[in-house]
Amino acid sequence: METLDIEYIDVGENYLTAKMPVTSKVYQPDGVLHGGATVALAESVGSAASYIFLDAQKFFVRGLEISANHVKSIKEGEVFAKATIVHKGRTTQLWNIHITDAEDNLISLCKLTTISLPRK
């Protein structure tokens, strides 16, 4: 979180939004946002959303699967990740995470599956 300068900026009934600056810290070799940094942002916001929407005193969250489709490059500015719940089961949760730029252009579309396990 600190390494990538990810900051949570909005929460609602069924979503969580975060932002991340696009700087040389998150570039791939040719100077655009690295897909791995994008996926790290997506998993961070999706996992944090899972914690928010369950009893973190009783459960802990782990990611089971993440996939990403990168549809546009970005060289500067900020990207925004909005995680929205698709399925909220007792054990598994499915999240759609839209990564957009400041003009709301889609950069990447990610899907995250998390599991909530009881604390002992």
Protein backbone atom coordinates (compact mmCIF):
# COMPACT_ATOMS: atom_id res chain seq x y z
CA MET A 1 0.00 0.00 0.00
CA GLU A 2 2.64 2.52 1.02
CA THR A 3 5.07 1.42 -1.68
CA LEU A 4 2.49 2.10 -4.41
CA ASP A 5 0.98 5.16 -2.65
CA ILE A 6 -2.51 3.61 -2.71
CA GLU A 7 -5.10 5.70 -0.89
CA TYR A 8 -8.72 4.80 -0.12
CA ILE A 9 -11.00 7.67 -1.06
CA ASP A 10 -14.65 6.57 -1.01
CA VAL A 11 -16.84 3.84 0.45
CA GLY A 12 -20.50 3.10 -0.11
CA GLU A 13 -23.07 0.42 0.61
CA ASN A 14 -21.55 -2.08 -1.83
CA TYR A 15 -18.27 -0.58 -3.06
CA LEU A 16 -14.86 0.81 -2.11
CA THR A 17 -12.75 3.19 -4.20
CA ALA A 18 -9.01 3.83 -4.06
CA LYS A 19 -6.55 5.85 -6.11
CA MET A 20 -2.91 5.39 -7.07
CA PRO A 21 -0.55 7.86 -8.75
CA VAL A 22 1.00 6.82 -12.06
CA THR A 23 4.70 7.60 -11.65
CA SER A 24 8.00 5.92 -12.45
CA LYS A 25 7.44 3.73 -9.34
CA VAL A 26 4.75 1.82 -11.25
CA TYR A 27 6.09 1.95 -14.83
CA GLN A 28 6.95 -0.97 -17.03
CA PRO A 29 10.17 -0.54 -19.05
CA ASP A 30 8.57 1.58 -21.80
CA GLY A 31 7.17 4.19 -19.37
CA VAL A 32 3.50 3.21 -18.98
CA LEU A 33 1.57 1.81 -16.02
CA HIS A 34 2.68 -1.76 -15.31
CA GLY A 35 -0.07 -4.39 -15.38
CA GLY A 36 1.31 -5.91 -12.17
CA ALA A 37 0.93 -2.60 -10.34
CA THR A 38 -2.62 -2.36 -11.67
CA VAL A 39 -3.42 -5.85 -10.36
CA ALA A 40 -1.84 -4.99 -6.99
CA LEU A 41 -4.16 -1.97 -6.80
CA ALA A 42 -7.16 -4.11 -7.74
CA GLU A 43 -6.41 -6.82 -5.19
CA SER A 44 -5.74 -4.22 -2.49
CA VAL A 45 -9.07 -2.47 -2.95
CA GLY A 46 -11.06 -5.71 -3.40
CA SER A 47 -9.56 -7.37 -0.33
CA ALA A 48 -10.04 -4.23 1.77
CA ALA A 49 -13.66 -4.09 0.64
CA SER A 50 -14.15 -7.68 1.80
CA TYR A 51 -12.88 -6.69 5.25
CA ILE A 52 -15.21 -3.70 5.39
CA PHE A 53 -18.31 -5.72 4.53
CA LEU A 54 -17.79 -8.57 7.01
CA ASP A 55 -17.01 -8.86 10.70
CA ALA A 56 -13.20 -8.55 10.72
CA GLN A 57 -13.20 -9.55 14.41
CA LYS A 58 -14.53 -13.00 13.44
CA PHE A 59 -13.03 -13.52 9.95
CA PHE A 60 -9.90 -12.91 7.91
CA VAL A 61 -9.77 -12.55 4.14
CA ARG A 62 -7.52 -14.14 1.53
CA GLY A 63 -7.54 -13.77 -2.22
CA LEU A 64 -8.34 -16.94 -4.17
CA GLU A 65 -8.14 -15.73 -7.75
CA ILE A 66 -7.62 -12.51 -9.67
CA SER A 67 -7.82 -11.83 -13.39
CA ALA A 68 -7.26 -8.65 -15.35
CA ASN A 69 -7.92 -7.32 -18.80
CA HIS A 70 -5.81 -4.26 -19.59
CA VAL A 71 -7.53 -2.20 -22.28
CA LYS A 72 -5.72 1.15 -22.29
CA SER A 73 -2.30 2.52 -21.35
CA ILE A 74 -1.64 5.49 -19.10
CA LYS A 75 1.66 7.37 -18.59
CA GLU A 76 0.85 9.96 -15.92
CA GLY A 77 -1.80 11.21 -13.54
CA GLU A 78 -3.78 8.90 -11.30
CA VAL A 79 -5.79 5.73 -11.66
CA PHE A 80 -8.90 4.96 -9.65
CA ALA A 81 -10.03 1.48 -8.62
CA LYS A 82 -13.67 0.90 -7.73
CA ALA A 83 -14.42 -2.53 -6.26
CA THR A 84 -18.10 -3.48 -6.48
CA ILE A 85 -19.55 -6.63 -4.96
CA VAL A 86 -21.01 -9.15 -7.42
CA HIS A 87 -21.54 -12.04 -4.98
CA LYS A 88 -21.42 -11.88 -1.19
CA GLY A 89 -21.55 -15.43 0.09
CA ARG A 90 -20.90 -16.70 3.59
CA THR A 91 -17.47 -17.90 2.56
CA THR A 92 -16.62 -16.48 -0.86
CA GLN A 93 -17.01 -13.02 -2.33
CA LEU A 94 -16.72 -11.98 -5.97
CA TRP A 95 -15.67 -8.43 -6.85
CA ASN A 96 -15.53 -6.47 -10.10
CA ILE A 97 -12.84 -3.83 -10.02
CA HIS A 98 -12.87 -1.10 -12.66
CA ILE A 99 -9.57 0.77 -13.02
CA THR A 100 -10.13 4.16 -14.66
CA ASP A 101 -8.23 7.37 -15.29
CA ALA A 102 -9.29 10.84 -14.12
CA GLU A 103 -11.60 11.20 -17.16
CA ASP A 104 -13.31 7.87 -16.28
CA ASN A 105 -11.75 6.03 -19.24
CA LEU A 106 -11.45 2.30 -18.57
CA ILE A 107 -7.80 1.27 -18.11
CA SER A 108 -8.32 -2.28 -16.79
CA LEU A 109 -11.17 -4.52 -15.74
CA CYS A 110 -10.34 -6.97 -12.96
CA LYS A 111 -12.22 -9.75 -11.20
CA LEU A 112 -11.26 -10.87 -7.69
CA THR A 113 -12.52 -13.83 -5.69
CA THR A 114 -11.88 -13.74 -1.95
CA ILE A 115 -12.51 -16.20 0.83
CA SER A 116 -13.47 -15.34 4.40
CA LEU A 117 -12.13 -17.77 6.97
CA PRO A 118 -12.98 -17.85 10.68
CA ARG A 119 -10.43 -16.56 13.15
CA LYS A 120 -9.51 -19.06 15.84
